[in-house]
């Protein structure tokens, strides 16, 4: 639980700084990222964080495999969409 308390503000600051920097830049990469970020943020807030809290509580009993599977699937989806922007950036840049 301490990890969530520490990492969520850092992730929020990272997102805020990226949003602020994107105001002065234009282009396909920035527009694409701007469209994806609300979905990525919603996945984190409404799926990944609650799953992490449930997993933390269930870890002692060992009954957490279903929730862990959901968390891994959404995390993979989020990571895959982020990797797409890296691939585009390397091709353009």
Protein backbone atom coordinates (compact mmCIF):
# COMPACT_ATOMS: atom_id res chain seq x y z
CA UNK A 1 0.00 0.00 0.00
CA UNK A 2 2.90 2.33 0.69
CA UNK A 3 4.13 1.82 -2.87
CA UNK A 4 0.82 3.11 -4.28
CA UNK A 5 0.91 6.13 -2.00
CA UNK A 6 4.41 6.94 -3.20
CA UNK A 7 4.11 6.21 -6.92
CA UNK A 8 0.69 7.70 -7.76
CA UNK A 9 1.76 11.33 -7.15
CA UNK A 10 4.95 10.76 -9.16
CA UNK A 11 2.94 9.36 -12.09
CA UNK A 12 0.52 12.29 -11.86
CA UNK A 13 3.41 14.76 -11.99
CA UNK A 14 4.87 12.96 -14.99
CA UNK A 15 1.54 13.16 -16.81
CA UNK A 16 1.09 16.82 -15.91
CA UNK A 17 4.56 17.72 -17.14
CA UNK A 18 3.98 15.84 -20.40
CA UNK A 19 0.65 17.61 -20.88
CA UNK A 20 2.27 21.00 -20.24
CA UNK A 21 5.07 20.28 -22.71
CA UNK A 22 2.58 19.12 -25.36
CA UNK A 23 0.89 22.53 -25.42
CA UNK A 24 3.82 24.08 -27.26
CA UNK A 25 4.36 21.17 -29.68
CA UNK A 26 2.26 20.03 -32.61
CA UNK A 27 2.38 17.04 -34.88
CA UNK A 28 1.11 13.52 -35.43
CA UNK A 29 3.03 12.03 -32.51
CA UNK A 30 1.84 14.62 -30.00
CA UNK A 31 -1.77 14.46 -31.22
CA UNK A 32 -1.77 10.67 -31.10
CA UNK A 33 -0.36 10.64 -27.59
CA UNK A 34 -2.85 13.29 -26.44
CA UNK A 35 -5.72 11.06 -27.64
CA UNK A 36 -4.38 7.92 -25.91
CA UNK A 37 -3.49 9.41 -22.54
CA UNK A 38 -7.04 9.71 -21.12
CA UNK A 39 -7.60 5.98 -21.78
CA UNK A 40 -4.26 5.08 -20.21
CA UNK A 41 -4.98 7.26 -17.16
CA UNK A 42 -8.47 5.78 -16.77
CA UNK A 43 -7.04 2.23 -16.94
CA UNK A 44 -4.65 3.12 -14.15
CA UNK A 45 -7.18 4.85 -11.94
CA UNK A 46 -10.16 2.55 -12.35
CA UNK A 47 -8.56 -0.85 -12.97
CA UNK A 48 -4.87 -1.05 -12.07
CA UNK A 49 -4.90 0.80 -8.72
CA UNK A 50 -7.99 -1.02 -7.37
CA UNK A 51 -6.51 -4.34 -8.53
CA UNK A 52 -3.25 -3.54 -6.76
CA UNK A 53 -5.14 -2.75 -3.54
CA UNK A 54 -7.12 -6.01 -3.75
CA UNK A 55 -3.96 -7.97 -4.56
CA UNK A 56 -2.23 -6.42 -1.58
CA UNK A 57 -5.04 -7.59 0.69
CA UNK A 58 -5.29 -11.05 -0.88
CA UNK A 59 -1.57 -11.71 -1.13
CA UNK A 60 -1.41 -13.16 2.36
CA UNK A 61 -4.13 -15.71 1.58
CA UNK A 62 -2.95 -16.66 -1.92
CA UNK A 63 -6.41 -16.08 -3.51
CA UNK A 64 -5.39 -13.39 -5.93
CA UNK A 65 -4.77 -15.09 -9.27
CA UNK A 66 -7.96 -13.87 -11.04
CA UNK A 67 -7.40 -10.24 -10.07
CA UNK A 68 -3.72 -10.54 -10.92
CA UNK A 69 -4.67 -11.82 -14.39
CA UNK A 70 -6.95 -8.80 -14.96
CA UNK A 71 -4.24 -6.45 -13.77
CA UNK A 72 -1.63 -8.03 -16.02
CA UNK A 73 -3.95 -7.91 -19.05
CA UNK A 74 -4.75 -4.21 -18.58
CA UNK A 75 -1.13 -3.41 -17.80
CA UNK A 76 -0.08 -5.15 -21.00
CA UNK A 77 -2.68 -3.21 -22.99
CA UNK A 78 -1.48 0.06 -21.49
CA UNK A 79 2.17 -0.77 -22.09
CA UNK A 80 1.47 -1.86 -25.66
CA UNK A 81 -0.19 1.46 -26.46
CA UNK A 82 2.77 3.31 -24.94
CA UNK A 83 5.25 1.28 -26.98
CA UNK A 84 3.40 2.27 -30.13
CA UNK A 85 4.32 5.89 -29.52
CA UNK A 86 7.99 4.97 -29.07
CA UNK A 87 7.95 3.06 -32.36
CA UNK A 88 6.37 6.04 -34.16
CA UNK A 89 8.88 8.40 -32.59
CA UNK A 90 11.84 6.37 -33.82
CA UNK A 91 10.45 6.21 -37.38
CA UNK A 92 9.72 9.95 -37.54
CA UNK A 93 12.78 11.16 -35.68
